[in-house]
Amino acid sequence: MQDFQRRFLEFVIDHGILRFGDFTLKSGRVSPYFFNAGLFNTGAGLSFLASSYAQAIIHSGMRFNMLFGPAYKGIPLVAATAMALYRDHGLDAAWCFNRKEAKDHGEGGLLVGADLAGRVLLVDDVITAGTAVRESVNIVRGRGAELTGILIAMDRQERGAETLSAIAEIERDYAVPVISVVNLQDLIDYLAAGEDAGLQSHADAVQAYREQYGA
């Protein structure tokens, strides 16, 4: 595990963004953990998330020249990530986002920001069913740009109705990699290796969930 991944897990646990217990998901499964990216809701939290995204991008070696954020959650994420890439790594990438509905006045159109072109990295928080990602892919490719990858905060590594996870289905259908700051196995390793007995106590439940529902 990379240092930035360990720091990410420490942060989300300390700030209650990642919690442990019994959580009923939309699928009906009862998960022993819950990750709520909506709780990166302060300046400090969003700045930390953006720095983590930037480090994950650099670590991946992904080649791109543009960031795209799908409305609405992706809008602050893409802006903050573009700033973190420049601030922390000297990488000045163009960025834009879409509106849910096109404007017919002012600058008009569906997109805001730089022209959507070139090699595009899509920035979002998580992928569940993958519906929002598929809509974004259509926007990117509809403009003649090339989707080069997708960036998210956490990969649950959990299969859907089939044997593949939603992320694996996206990678298969669009032939692009999905980069995550951390995944479920990283969390299991972190819990098992920790010195905090309270955290270690959750490791078995999370591992059992991975064995039952893992992709």
N, C-alpha and C. Protein backbone atom coordinates (compact mmCIF):
# COMPACT_ATOMS: atom_id res chain seq x y z
N MET A 1 0.85 -1.20 0.00
CA MET A 1 0.00 0.00 0.00
C MET A 1 0.88 1.25 0.00
N GLN A 2 0.52 2.23 -0.81
CA GLN A 2 1.27 3.46 -0.88
C GLN A 2 0.96 4.36 0.33
N ASP A 3 1.88 5.26 0.63
CA ASP A 3 1.68 6.15 1.78
C ASP A 3 0.42 6.98 1.63
N PHE A 4 0.14 7.47 0.42
CA PHE A 4 -1.04 8.31 0.25
C PHE A 4 -2.32 7.51 0.46
N GLN A 5 -2.28 6.21 0.18
CA GLN A 5 -3.46 5.37 0.42
C GLN A 5 -3.67 5.15 1.91
N ARG A 6 -2.59 4.96 2.63
CA ARG A 6 -2.68 4.78 4.08
C ARG A 6 -3.20 6.07 4.74
N ARG A 7 -2.68 7.20 4.29
CA ARG A 7 -3.16 8.47 4.84
C ARG A 7 -4.64 8.69 4.52
N PHE A 8 -5.06 8.26 3.33
CA PHE A 8 -6.46 8.41 2.95
C PHE A 8 -7.35 7.60 3.88
N LEU A 9 -6.99 6.35 4.14
CA LEU A 9 -7.79 5.51 5.02
C LEU A 9 -7.82 6.08 6.44
N GLU A 10 -6.70 6.56 6.91
CA GLU A 10 -6.66 7.18 8.25
C GLU A 10 -7.63 8.36 8.30
N PHE A 11 -7.62 9.18 7.26
CA PHE A 11 -8.45 10.38 7.23
C PHE A 11 -9.92 10.03 7.22
N VAL A 12 -10.32 9.13 6.33
CA VAL A 12 -11.76 8.85 6.20
C VAL A 12 -12.31 8.14 7.43
N ILE A 13 -11.49 7.35 8.10
CA ILE A 13 -11.94 6.70 9.33
C ILE A 13 -12.02 7.72 10.47
N ASP A 14 -10.98 8.54 10.60
CA ASP A 14 -10.95 9.54 11.67
C ASP A 14 -12.09 10.55 11.55
N HIS A 15 -12.51 10.84 10.32
CA HIS A 15 -13.53 11.86 10.10
C HIS A 15 -14.92 11.28 9.87
N GLY A 16 -15.08 9.97 10.08
CA GLY A 16 -16.40 9.36 9.96
C GLY A 16 -16.92 9.26 8.54
N ILE A 17 -16.06 9.46 7.56
CA ILE A 17 -16.47 9.30 6.16
C ILE A 17 -16.60 7.82 5.83
N LEU A 18 -15.76 7.02 6.45
CA LEU A 18 -15.85 5.56 6.38
C LEU A 18 -16.22 5.06 7.77
N ARG A 19 -17.37 4.41 7.87
CA ARG A 19 -17.87 3.95 9.17
C ARG A 19 -18.09 2.44 9.16
N PHE A 20 -18.12 1.88 10.34
CA PHE A 20 -18.32 0.43 10.48
C PHE A 20 -19.57 0.16 11.30
N GLY A 21 -20.26 -0.94 10.96
CA GLY A 21 -21.50 -1.30 11.63
C GLY A 21 -22.31 -2.20 10.71
N ASP A 22 -23.62 -2.05 10.71
CA ASP A 22 -24.49 -2.80 9.80
C ASP A 22 -25.28 -1.80 8.96
N PHE A 23 -25.00 -1.79 7.66
CA PHE A 23 -25.60 -0.81 6.77
C PHE A 23 -26.31 -1.55 5.63
N THR A 24 -27.61 -1.33 5.49
CA THR A 24 -28.37 -1.96 4.42
C THR A 24 -28.22 -1.13 3.15
N LEU A 25 -27.67 -1.74 2.12
CA LEU A 25 -27.43 -1.06 0.85
C LEU A 25 -28.68 -1.12 -0.03
N LYS A 26 -28.65 -0.34 -1.11
CA LYS A 26 -29.77 -0.33 -2.04
C LYS A 26 -30.01 -1.74 -2.60
N SER A 27 -28.95 -2.53 -2.71
CA SER A 27 -29.06 -3.89 -3.22
C SER A 27 -29.75 -4.84 -2.24
N GLY A 28 -29.92 -4.39 -0.98
CA GLY A 28 -30.48 -5.24 0.06
C GLY A 28 -29.42 -5.95 0.88
N ARG A 29 -28.18 -5.91 0.43
CA ARG A 29 -27.09 -6.52 1.19
C ARG A 29 -26.82 -5.70 2.44
N VAL A 30 -26.41 -6.38 3.51
CA VAL A 30 -26.05 -5.70 4.75
C VAL A 30 -24.53 -5.65 4.81
N SER A 31 -24.00 -4.44 4.66
CA SER A 31 -22.55 -4.24 4.60
C SER A 31 -21.99 -3.87 5.97
N PRO A 32 -20.82 -4.38 6.32
CA PRO A 32 -20.21 -4.03 7.61
C PRO A 32 -19.47 -2.69 7.57
N TYR A 33 -19.50 -2.02 6.44
CA TYR A 33 -18.85 -0.70 6.35
C TYR A 33 -19.65 0.16 5.37
N PHE A 34 -19.49 1.47 5.50
CA PHE A 34 -20.17 2.39 4.61
C PHE A 34 -19.27 3.58 4.34
N PHE A 35 -19.06 3.87 3.06
CA PHE A 35 -18.20 4.98 2.64
C PHE A 35 -19.09 6.07 2.06
N ASN A 36 -19.08 7.25 2.67
CA ASN A 36 -19.94 8.35 2.23
C ASN A 36 -19.07 9.51 1.77
N ALA A 37 -18.80 9.57 0.48
CA ALA A 37 -17.93 10.62 -0.06
C ALA A 37 -18.56 11.99 0.05
N GLY A 38 -19.87 12.06 0.27
CA GLY A 38 -20.52 13.35 0.46
C GLY A 38 -20.07 14.07 1.71
N LEU A 39 -19.39 13.36 2.61
CA LEU A 39 -18.92 13.97 3.85
C LEU A 39 -17.56 14.65 3.70
N PHE A 40 -17.00 14.66 2.49
CA PHE A 40 -15.86 15.55 2.23
C PHE A 40 -16.45 16.94 2.00
N ASN A 41 -17.08 17.50 3.02
CA ASN A 41 -17.93 18.67 2.84
C ASN A 41 -17.40 19.93 3.51
N THR A 42 -16.10 19.97 3.76
CA THR A 42 -15.44 21.17 4.26
C THR A 42 -14.29 21.51 3.32
N GLY A 43 -13.75 22.71 3.47
CA GLY A 43 -12.60 23.07 2.64
C GLY A 43 -11.44 22.13 2.86
N ALA A 44 -11.18 21.80 4.12
CA ALA A 44 -10.07 20.90 4.44
C ALA A 44 -10.32 19.51 3.86
N GLY A 45 -11.56 19.03 3.99
CA GLY A 45 -11.88 17.70 3.48
C GLY A 45 -11.77 17.60 1.98
N LEU A 46 -12.32 18.59 1.27
CA LEU A 46 -12.26 18.57 -0.19
C LEU A 46 -10.82 18.72 -0.67
N SER A 47 -10.04 19.56 0.01
CA SER A 47 -8.64 19.73 -0.36
C SER A 47 -7.87 18.42 -0.19
N PHE A 48 -8.15 17.71 0.91
CA PHE A 48 -7.48 16.42 1.13
C PHE A 48 -7.87 15.42 0.06
N LEU A 49 -9.16 15.34 -0.26
CA LEU A 49 -9.62 14.40 -1.29
C LEU A 49 -8.97 14.71 -2.62
N ALA A 50 -8.92 16.00 -2.98
CA ALA A 50 -8.32 16.38 -4.25
C ALA A 50 -6.84 16.01 -4.31
N SER A 51 -6.14 16.22 -3.20
CA SER A 51 -4.71 15.84 -3.14
C SER A 51 -4.54 14.34 -3.30
N SER A 52 -5.46 13.57 -2.70
CA SER A 52 -5.41 12.12 -2.83
C SER A 52 -5.68 11.70 -4.27
N TYR A 53 -6.66 12.33 -4.90
CA TYR A 53 -6.93 12.06 -6.32
C TYR A 53 -5.69 12.35 -7.17
N ALA A 54 -5.07 13.50 -6.92
CA ALA A 54 -3.90 13.88 -7.70
C ALA A 54 -2.77 12.86 -7.53
N GLN A 55 -2.56 12.42 -6.30
CA GLN A 55 -1.51 11.42 -6.06
C GLN A 55 -1.83 10.09 -6.75
N ALA A 56 -3.11 9.71 -6.73
CA ALA A 56 -3.50 8.47 -7.41
C ALA A 56 -3.28 8.57 -8.91
N ILE A 57 -3.56 9.73 -9.48
CA ILE A 57 -3.34 9.95 -10.92
C ILE A 57 -1.86 9.82 -11.25
N ILE A 58 -1.04 10.52 -10.49
CA ILE A 58 0.41 10.48 -10.75
C ILE A 58 0.95 9.06 -10.58
N HIS A 59 0.51 8.38 -9.54
CA HIS A 59 0.97 7.01 -9.28
C HIS A 59 0.56 6.06 -10.41
N SER A 60 -0.60 6.31 -11.02
CA SER A 60 -1.09 5.43 -12.08
C SER A 60 -0.31 5.57 -13.39
N GLY A 61 0.32 6.74 -13.58
CA GLY A 61 1.01 6.99 -14.85
C GLY A 61 0.05 7.28 -15.99
N MET A 62 -1.20 7.56 -15.68
CA MET A 62 -2.21 7.83 -16.70
C MET A 62 -1.81 9.03 -17.57
N ARG A 63 -1.99 8.87 -18.88
CA ARG A 63 -1.72 9.95 -19.83
C ARG A 63 -3.05 10.60 -20.22
N PHE A 64 -3.13 11.89 -20.00
CA PHE A 64 -4.36 12.62 -20.31
C PHE A 64 -4.01 14.10 -20.41
N ASN A 65 -4.91 14.88 -20.95
CA ASN A 65 -4.70 16.32 -20.99
C ASN A 65 -5.93 17.09 -20.52
N MET A 66 -6.99 16.36 -20.12
CA MET A 66 -8.22 17.02 -19.71
C MET A 66 -8.93 16.22 -18.65
N LEU A 67 -9.56 16.92 -17.70
CA LEU A 67 -10.39 16.31 -16.67
C LEU A 67 -11.85 16.68 -16.92
N PHE A 68 -12.75 15.71 -16.72
CA PHE A 68 -14.18 15.96 -16.90
C PHE A 68 -14.92 15.51 -15.65
N GLY A 69 -15.81 16.39 -15.14
CA GLY A 69 -16.61 16.06 -13.96
C GLY A 69 -18.08 16.01 -14.29
N PRO A 70 -18.73 14.87 -14.09
CA PRO A 70 -20.16 14.77 -14.36
C PRO A 70 -21.00 15.47 -13.29
N ALA A 71 -22.01 16.22 -13.75
CA ALA A 71 -22.91 16.90 -12.82
C ALA A 71 -23.69 15.86 -12.00
N TYR A 72 -23.95 16.12 -10.71
CA TYR A 72 -23.53 17.33 -10.02
C TYR A 72 -22.31 17.06 -9.14
N LYS A 73 -22.19 15.85 -8.64
CA LYS A 73 -21.13 15.55 -7.66
C LYS A 73 -19.74 15.75 -8.24
N GLY A 74 -19.60 15.54 -9.53
CA GLY A 74 -18.28 15.63 -10.14
C GLY A 74 -17.78 17.05 -10.34
N ILE A 75 -18.68 18.04 -10.18
CA ILE A 75 -18.27 19.42 -10.45
C ILE A 75 -17.22 19.92 -9.46
N PRO A 76 -17.48 19.88 -8.14
CA PRO A 76 -16.42 20.31 -7.22
C PRO A 76 -15.20 19.38 -7.26
N LEU A 77 -15.43 18.11 -7.54
CA LEU A 77 -14.32 17.16 -7.55
C LEU A 77 -13.34 17.47 -8.68
N VAL A 78 -13.87 17.75 -9.87
CA VAL A 78 -12.98 17.99 -11.01
C VAL A 78 -12.23 19.31 -10.84
N ALA A 79 -12.91 20.34 -10.31
CA ALA A 79 -12.25 21.62 -10.10
C ALA A 79 -11.14 21.50 -9.07
N ALA A 80 -11.44 20.86 -7.95
CA ALA A 80 -10.45 20.72 -6.88
C ALA A 80 -9.28 19.85 -7.32
N THR A 81 -9.56 18.79 -8.08
CA THR A 81 -8.49 17.90 -8.54
C THR A 81 -7.57 18.62 -9.51
N ALA A 82 -8.13 19.44 -10.41
CA ALA A 82 -7.29 20.21 -11.33
C ALA A 82 -6.36 21.14 -10.55
N MET A 83 -6.88 21.77 -9.49
CA MET A 83 -6.05 22.65 -8.68
C MET A 83 -4.96 21.87 -7.95
N ALA A 84 -5.31 20.71 -7.41
CA ALA A 84 -4.33 19.90 -6.68
C ALA A 84 -3.23 19.40 -7.60
N LEU A 85 -3.58 19.02 -8.81
CA LEU A 85 -2.56 18.56 -9.77
C LEU A 85 -1.55 19.67 -10.05
N TYR A 86 -2.05 20.90 -10.19
CA TYR A 86 -1.14 22.01 -10.46
C TYR A 86 -0.35 22.41 -9.22
N ARG A 87 -1.04 22.49 -8.09
CA ARG A 87 -0.39 22.92 -6.84
C ARG A 87 0.67 21.94 -6.37
N ASP A 88 0.34 20.65 -6.42
CA ASP A 88 1.21 19.64 -5.82
C ASP A 88 2.19 19.02 -6.80
N HIS A 89 1.85 19.03 -8.10
CA HIS A 89 2.66 18.30 -9.07
C HIS A 89 3.05 19.12 -10.30
N GLY A 90 2.64 20.38 -10.35
CA GLY A 90 3.00 21.23 -11.47
C GLY A 90 2.36 20.82 -12.78
N LEU A 91 1.27 20.06 -12.71
CA LEU A 91 0.60 19.58 -13.92
C LEU A 91 -0.64 20.44 -14.17
N ASP A 92 -0.64 21.19 -15.25
CA ASP A 92 -1.72 22.12 -15.56
C ASP A 92 -2.65 21.49 -16.60
N ALA A 93 -3.74 20.87 -16.11
CA ALA A 93 -4.68 20.18 -17.00
C ALA A 93 -5.94 21.02 -17.19
N ALA A 94 -6.48 21.00 -18.39
CA ALA A 94 -7.76 21.65 -18.64
C ALA A 94 -8.87 20.85 -17.95
N TRP A 95 -9.99 21.52 -17.66
CA TRP A 95 -11.09 20.80 -17.03
C TRP A 95 -12.43 21.41 -17.42
N CYS A 96 -13.47 20.59 -17.37
CA CYS A 96 -14.81 21.05 -17.65
C CYS A 96 -15.82 20.13 -16.99
N PHE A 97 -17.08 20.55 -17.01
CA PHE A 97 -18.15 19.72 -16.47
C PHE A 97 -19.40 19.96 -17.30
N ASN A 98 -20.38 19.10 -17.10
CA ASN A 98 -21.63 19.25 -17.84
C ASN A 98 -22.75 19.79 -16.96
N ARG A 99 -23.74 20.35 -17.60
CA ARG A 99 -24.98 20.71 -16.93
C ARG A 99 -25.97 19.57 -17.11
N LYS A 100 -26.92 19.50 -16.20
CA LYS A 100 -27.98 18.52 -16.37
C LYS A 100 -28.90 18.89 -17.53
N GLU A 101 -29.09 20.21 -17.71
CA GLU A 101 -29.92 20.70 -18.81
C GLU A 101 -29.17 21.80 -19.53
N ALA A 102 -29.20 21.78 -20.85
CA ALA A 102 -28.48 22.77 -21.64
C ALA A 102 -29.11 24.15 -21.47
N LYS A 103 -28.26 25.20 -21.42
CA LYS A 103 -28.75 26.57 -21.36
C LYS A 103 -28.99 27.10 -22.77
N ASP A 104 -30.01 27.95 -22.92
CA ASP A 104 -30.26 28.55 -24.22
C ASP A 104 -30.00 30.05 -24.20
N HIS A 105 -29.26 30.52 -23.17
CA HIS A 105 -28.89 31.93 -23.10
C HIS A 105 -27.46 32.03 -22.58
N GLY A 106 -26.91 33.25 -22.57
CA GLY A 106 -25.52 33.40 -22.16
C GLY A 106 -24.60 32.63 -23.09
N GLU A 107 -23.65 31.91 -22.48
CA GLU A 107 -22.75 31.11 -23.32
C GLU A 107 -23.46 29.87 -23.86
N GLY A 108 -24.59 29.50 -23.23
CA GLY A 108 -25.41 28.40 -23.74
C GLY A 108 -24.71 27.06 -23.66
N GLY A 109 -25.39 26.03 -24.14
CA GLY A 109 -24.79 24.72 -24.26
C GLY A 109 -24.89 23.86 -23.02
N LEU A 110 -24.32 22.67 -23.13
CA LEU A 110 -24.39 21.67 -22.08
C LEU A 110 -23.14 21.65 -21.21
N LEU A 111 -22.01 22.16 -21.73
CA LEU A 111 -20.72 22.05 -21.05
C LEU A 111 -20.24 23.40 -20.56
N VAL A 112 -19.50 23.38 -19.44
CA VAL A 112 -18.92 24.58 -18.85
C VAL A 112 -17.43 24.31 -18.63
N GLY A 113 -16.60 25.28 -19.02
CA GLY A 113 -15.17 25.12 -18.83
C GLY A 113 -14.43 25.06 -20.15
N ALA A 114 -13.30 24.38 -20.14
CA ALA A 114 -12.50 24.25 -21.36
C ALA A 114 -13.21 23.36 -22.37
N ASP A 115 -12.81 23.48 -23.63
CA ASP A 115 -13.39 22.63 -24.68
C ASP A 115 -13.10 21.17 -24.37
N LEU A 116 -14.11 20.36 -24.48
CA LEU A 116 -13.98 18.92 -24.20
C LEU A 116 -13.31 18.26 -25.40
N ALA A 117 -12.02 17.99 -25.28
CA ALA A 117 -11.26 17.47 -26.42
C ALA A 117 -10.02 16.75 -25.90
N GLY A 118 -9.43 15.93 -26.76
CA GLY A 118 -8.20 15.24 -26.42
C GLY A 118 -8.42 14.00 -25.59
N ARG A 119 -7.45 13.71 -24.72
CA ARG A 119 -7.49 12.53 -23.86
C ARG A 119 -8.09 12.92 -22.51
N VAL A 120 -9.24 12.35 -22.20
CA VAL A 120 -10.05 12.81 -21.07
C VAL A 120 -10.05 11.79 -19.93
N LEU A 121 -9.82 12.29 -18.71
CA LEU A 121 -9.93 11.48 -17.50
C LEU A 121 -11.18 11.95 -16.76
N LEU A 122 -12.11 11.05 -16.54
CA LEU A 122 -13.37 11.36 -15.86
C LEU A 122 -13.17 11.26 -14.35
N VAL A 123 -13.64 12.26 -13.61
CA VAL A 123 -13.45 12.31 -12.16
C VAL A 123 -14.81 12.20 -11.46
N ASP A 124 -14.98 11.20 -10.60
CA ASP A 124 -16.23 11.01 -9.87
C ASP A 124 -15.89 10.52 -8.47
N ASP A 125 -16.90 10.26 -7.63
CA ASP A 125 -16.60 9.81 -6.26
C ASP A 125 -16.59 8.29 -6.16
N VAL A 126 -17.68 7.64 -6.54
CA VAL A 126 -17.77 6.18 -6.52
C VAL A 126 -18.54 5.73 -7.75
N ILE A 127 -18.49 4.44 -8.02
CA ILE A 127 -19.30 3.85 -9.09
C ILE A 127 -20.17 2.77 -8.45
N THR A 128 -21.47 2.92 -8.57
CA THR A 128 -22.37 1.90 -8.05
C THR A 128 -22.95 1.13 -9.24
N ALA A 129 -24.05 1.60 -9.79
CA ALA A 129 -24.62 0.91 -10.96
C ALA A 129 -23.89 1.27 -12.24
N GLY A 130 -23.17 2.41 -12.23
CA GLY A 130 -22.43 2.81 -13.42
C GLY A 130 -23.24 3.65 -14.40
N THR A 131 -24.49 3.98 -14.05
CA THR A 131 -25.35 4.74 -14.97
C THR A 131 -24.78 6.11 -15.28
N ALA A 132 -24.34 6.83 -14.25
CA ALA A 132 -23.80 8.18 -14.45
C ALA A 132 -22.54 8.14 -15.31
N VAL A 133 -21.73 7.12 -15.10
CA VAL A 133 -20.51 6.99 -15.90
C VAL A 133 -20.84 6.77 -17.36
N ARG A 134 -21.81 5.92 -17.63
CA ARG A 134 -22.18 5.64 -19.01
C ARG A 134 -22.72 6.90 -19.70
N GLU A 135 -23.47 7.70 -18.99
CA GLU A 135 -23.95 8.96 -19.55
C GLU A 135 -22.77 9.88 -19.86
N SER A 136 -21.79 9.92 -18.96
CA SER A 136 -20.62 10.78 -19.16
C SER A 136 -19.78 10.31 -20.34
N VAL A 137 -19.64 9.00 -20.48
CA VAL A 137 -18.89 8.46 -21.62
C VAL A 137 -19.54 8.90 -22.93
N ASN A 138 -20.86 8.89 -22.97
CA ASN A 138 -21.55 9.32 -24.19
C ASN A 138 -21.29 10.79 -24.49
N ILE A 139 -21.22 11.62 -23.44
CA ILE A 139 -20.92 13.04 -23.63
C ILE A 139 -19.51 13.21 -24.18
N VAL A 140 -18.55 12.53 -23.54
CA VAL A 140 -17.15 12.65 -23.96
C VAL A 140 -16.97 12.20 -25.40
N ARG A 141 -17.45 11.03 -25.71
CA ARG A 141 -17.25 10.49 -27.04
C ARG A 141 -18.10 11.21 -28.08
N GLY A 142 -19.24 11.75 -27.63
CA GLY A 142 -20.08 12.52 -28.55
C GLY A 142 -19.41 13.79 -29.03
N ARG A 143 -18.43 14.27 -28.27
CA ARG A 143 -17.67 15.46 -28.65
C ARG A 143 -16.42 15.10 -29.45
N GLY A 144 -16.23 13.83 -29.70
CA GLY A 144 -15.06 13.40 -30.45
C GLY A 144 -13.81 13.27 -29.61
N ALA A 145 -13.96 13.38 -28.29
CA ALA A 145 -12.80 13.23 -27.40
C ALA A 145 -12.60 11.75 -27.07
N GLU A 146 -11.44 11.45 -26.50
CA GLU A 146 -11.08 10.06 -26.15
C GLU A 146 -11.11 9.89 -24.64
N LEU A 147 -11.94 8.98 -24.17
CA LEU A 147 -11.93 8.67 -22.74
C LEU A 147 -10.73 7.78 -22.46
N THR A 148 -9.83 8.27 -21.59
CA THR A 148 -8.62 7.50 -21.30
C THR A 148 -8.67 6.77 -19.96
N GLY A 149 -9.62 7.17 -19.08
CA GLY A 149 -9.74 6.50 -17.79
C GLY A 149 -10.77 7.17 -16.91
N ILE A 150 -11.03 6.55 -15.77
CA ILE A 150 -12.00 7.04 -14.80
C ILE A 150 -11.34 7.02 -13.42
N LEU A 151 -11.53 8.09 -12.66
CA LEU A 151 -10.92 8.22 -11.34
C LEU A 151 -12.01 8.28 -10.27
N ILE A 152 -11.91 7.43 -9.25
CA ILE A 152 -12.87 7.43 -8.15
C ILE A 152 -12.13 7.34 -6.82
N ALA A 153 -12.87 7.55 -5.73
CA ALA A 153 -12.25 7.52 -4.41
C ALA A 153 -12.06 6.10 -3.90
N MET A 154 -13.11 5.26 -4.00
CA MET A 154 -13.03 3.92 -3.44
C MET A 154 -13.71 2.90 -4.34
N ASP A 155 -13.04 1.79 -4.54
CA ASP A 155 -13.59 0.66 -5.28
C ASP A 155 -14.01 -0.40 -4.27
N ARG A 156 -15.33 -0.66 -4.20
CA ARG A 156 -15.83 -1.65 -3.24
C ARG A 156 -15.49 -3.08 -3.65
N GLN A 157 -15.04 -3.27 -4.89
CA GLN A 157 -14.70 -4.60 -5.40
C GLN A 157 -15.82 -5.61 -5.14
N GLU A 158 -17.02 -5.15 -5.39
CA GLU A 158 -18.21 -5.95 -5.08
C GLU A 158 -18.98 -6.25 -6.36
N ARG A 159 -19.32 -7.49 -6.56
CA ARG A 159 -20.05 -7.85 -7.77
C ARG A 159 -21.48 -7.35 -7.72
N GLY A 160 -22.04 -7.14 -8.90
CA GLY A 160 -23.43 -6.74 -9.00
C GLY A 160 -24.31 -7.97 -9.11
N ALA A 161 -25.31 -7.88 -9.99
CA ALA A 161 -26.22 -9.01 -10.17
C ALA A 161 -25.49 -10.18 -10.84
N GLU A 162 -24.47 -9.85 -11.63
CA GLU A 162 -23.67 -10.88 -12.31
C GLU A 162 -22.39 -11.13 -11.51
N THR A 163 -21.44 -11.78 -12.13
CA THR A 163 -20.20 -12.10 -11.43
C THR A 163 -19.24 -10.92 -11.40
N LEU A 164 -19.41 -9.97 -12.32
CA LEU A 164 -18.52 -8.82 -12.37
C LEU A 164 -19.04 -7.68 -11.50
N SER A 165 -18.14 -6.83 -11.05
CA SER A 165 -18.54 -5.61 -10.36
C SER A 165 -18.94 -4.58 -11.41
N ALA A 166 -19.61 -3.51 -10.95
CA ALA A 166 -19.98 -2.43 -11.87
C ALA A 166 -18.74 -1.82 -12.50
N ILE A 167 -17.67 -1.73 -11.73
CA ILE A 167 -16.43 -1.17 -12.25
C ILE A 167 -15.83 -2.07 -13.32
N ALA A 168 -15.81 -3.38 -13.06
CA ALA A 168 -15.28 -4.32 -14.05
C ALA A 168 -16.11 -4.28 -15.34
N GLU A 169 -17.42 -4.09 -15.20
CA GLU A 169 -18.27 -4.00 -16.39
C GLU A 169 -17.94 -2.75 -17.19
N ILE A 170 -17.69 -1.64 -16.50
CA ILE A 170 -17.29 -0.40 -17.18
C ILE A 170 -15.97 -0.59 -17.90
N GLU A 171 -15.00 -1.20 -17.22
CA GLU A 171 -13.69 -1.43 -17.84
C GLU A 171 -13.82 -2.33 -19.06
N ARG A 172 -14.68 -3.34 -18.96
CA ARG A 172 -14.89 -4.25 -20.09
C ARG A 172 -15.60 -3.56 -21.25
N ASP A 173 -16.67 -2.83 -20.94
CA ASP A 173 -17.50 -2.25 -21.99
C ASP A 173 -16.81 -1.10 -22.73
N TYR A 174 -15.98 -0.34 -22.01
CA TYR A 174 -15.38 0.85 -22.62
C TYR A 174 -13.87 0.74 -22.80
N ALA A 175 -13.29 -0.36 -22.37
CA ALA A 175 -11.86 -0.63 -22.56
C ALA A 175 -11.00 0.50 -22.00
N VAL A 176 -11.36 0.97 -20.79
CA VAL A 176 -10.57 1.99 -20.10
C VAL A 176 -10.37 1.54 -18.66
N PRO A 177 -9.26 1.94 -18.04
CA PRO A 177 -9.04 1.58 -16.64
C PRO A 177 -9.80 2.49 -15.69
N VAL A 178 -10.19 1.96 -14.56
CA VAL A 178 -10.76 2.74 -13.46
C VAL A 178 -9.71 2.82 -12.36
N ILE A 179 -9.30 4.03 -12.05
CA ILE A 179 -8.30 4.27 -11.00
C ILE A 179 -9.05 4.61 -9.71
N SER A 180 -8.70 3.96 -8.62
CA SER A 180 -9.28 4.31 -7.33
C SER A 180 -8.17 4.67 -6.36
N VAL A 181 -8.47 5.60 -5.46
CA VAL A 181 -7.48 5.94 -4.43
C VAL A 181 -7.22 4.71 -3.58
N VAL A 182 -8.29 4.03 -3.16
CA VAL A 182 -8.18 2.78 -2.40
C VAL A 182 -9.25 1.81 -2.87
N ASN A 183 -9.08 0.55 -2.55
CA ASN A 183 -10.11 -0.44 -2.80
C ASN A 183 -10.38 -1.23 -1.52
N LEU A 184 -11.33 -2.16 -1.61
CA LEU A 184 -11.73 -2.90 -0.41
C LEU A 184 -10.59 -3.72 0.16
N GLN A 185 -9.76 -4.30 -0.70
CA GLN A 185 -8.64 -5.09 -0.19
C GLN A 185 -7.65 -4.22 0.57
N ASP A 186 -7.45 -2.99 0.10
CA ASP A 186 -6.59 -2.05 0.84
C ASP A 186 -7.14 -1.83 2.24
N LEU A 187 -8.46 -1.67 2.33
CA LEU A 187 -9.09 -1.46 3.64
C LEU A 187 -8.89 -2.67 4.54
N ILE A 188 -9.08 -3.87 4.01
CA ILE A 188 -8.91 -5.09 4.80
C ILE A 188 -7.47 -5.18 5.31
N ASP A 189 -6.52 -4.92 4.44
CA ASP A 189 -5.11 -4.98 4.84
C ASP A 189 -4.81 -3.94 5.93
N TYR A 190 -5.38 -2.76 5.77
CA TYR A 190 -5.16 -1.69 6.74
C TYR A 190 -5.73 -2.06 8.10
N LEU A 191 -6.93 -2.61 8.12
CA LEU A 191 -7.56 -2.99 9.38
C LEU A 191 -6.78 -4.11 10.06
N ALA A 192 -6.37 -5.09 9.28
CA ALA A 192 -5.70 -6.26 9.85
C ALA A 192 -4.32 -5.89 10.41
N ALA A 193 -3.67 -4.91 9.80
CA ALA A 193 -2.31 -4.57 10.21
C ALA A 193 -2.27 -3.48 11.28
N GLY A 194 -3.41 -2.88 11.58
CA GLY A 194 -3.43 -1.75 12.50
C GLY A 194 -3.17 -2.14 13.94
N GLU A 195 -2.71 -1.16 14.70
CA GLU A 195 -2.45 -1.37 16.13
C GLU A 195 -3.68 -1.08 16.98
N ASP A 196 -4.67 -0.45 16.37
CA ASP A 196 -5.89 -0.10 17.08
C ASP A 196 -6.79 -1.33 17.16
N ALA A 197 -7.01 -1.82 18.37
CA ALA A 197 -7.82 -3.03 18.55
C ALA A 197 -9.25 -2.82 18.07
N GLY A 198 -9.75 -1.59 18.22
CA GLY A 198 -11.09 -1.30 17.78
C GLY A 198 -11.24 -1.47 16.27
N LEU A 199 -10.24 -1.04 15.53
CA LEU A 199 -10.27 -1.20 14.08
C LEU A 199 -10.06 -2.65 13.69
N GLN A 200 -9.13 -3.31 14.37
CA GLN A 200 -8.86 -4.72 14.06
C GLN A 200 -10.11 -5.57 14.22
N SER A 201 -10.98 -5.17 15.14
CA SER A 201 -12.18 -5.96 15.40
C SER A 201 -13.13 -5.98 14.20
N HIS A 202 -12.99 -5.02 13.29
CA HIS A 202 -13.87 -4.97 12.12
C HIS A 202 -13.30 -5.76 10.94
N ALA A 203 -12.04 -6.15 11.03
CA ALA A 203 -11.37 -6.78 9.89
C ALA A 203 -12.05 -8.07 9.45
N ASP A 204 -12.42 -8.92 10.40
CA ASP A 204 -13.02 -10.21 10.05
C ASP A 204 -14.36 -10.03 9.34
N ALA A 205 -15.18 -9.08 9.82
CA ALA A 205 -16.49 -8.86 9.20
C ALA A 205 -16.34 -8.34 7.77
N VAL A 206 -15.39 -7.42 7.57
CA VAL A 206 -15.19 -6.87 6.23
C VAL A 206 -14.62 -7.94 5.30
N GLN A 207 -13.71 -8.77 5.82
CA GLN A 207 -13.16 -9.86 5.02
C GLN A 207 -14.25 -10.86 4.65
N ALA A 208 -15.13 -11.19 5.58
CA ALA A 208 -16.22 -12.12 5.30
C ALA A 208 -17.14 -11.56 4.22
N TYR A 209 -17.40 -10.28 4.27
CA TYR A 209 -18.25 -9.63 3.25
C TYR A 209 -17.57 -9.71 1.89
N ARG A 210 -16.28 -9.47 1.88
CA ARG A 210 -15.50 -9.56 0.62
C ARG A 210 -15.59 -10.97 0.04
N GLU A 211 -15.48 -11.99 0.90
CA GLU A 211 -15.53 -13.37 0.42
C GLU A 211 -16.91 -13.72 -0.10
N GLN A 212 -17.95 -13.14 0.49
CA GLN A 212 -19.32 -13.47 0.07
C GLN A 212 -19.73 -12.72 -1.20
N TYR A 213 -19.36 -11.45 -1.30
CA TYR A 213 -19.87 -10.62 -2.39
C TYR A 213 -18.78 -10.06 -3.30
N GLY A 214 -17.53 -10.39 -3.02
CA GLY A 214 -16.46 -9.81 -3.82
C GLY A 214 -16.47 -10.22 -5.27
N ALA A 215 -16.06 -9.29 -6.11
CA ALA A 215 -16.00 -9.59 -7.56
C ALA A 215 -14.68 -10.26 -7.89
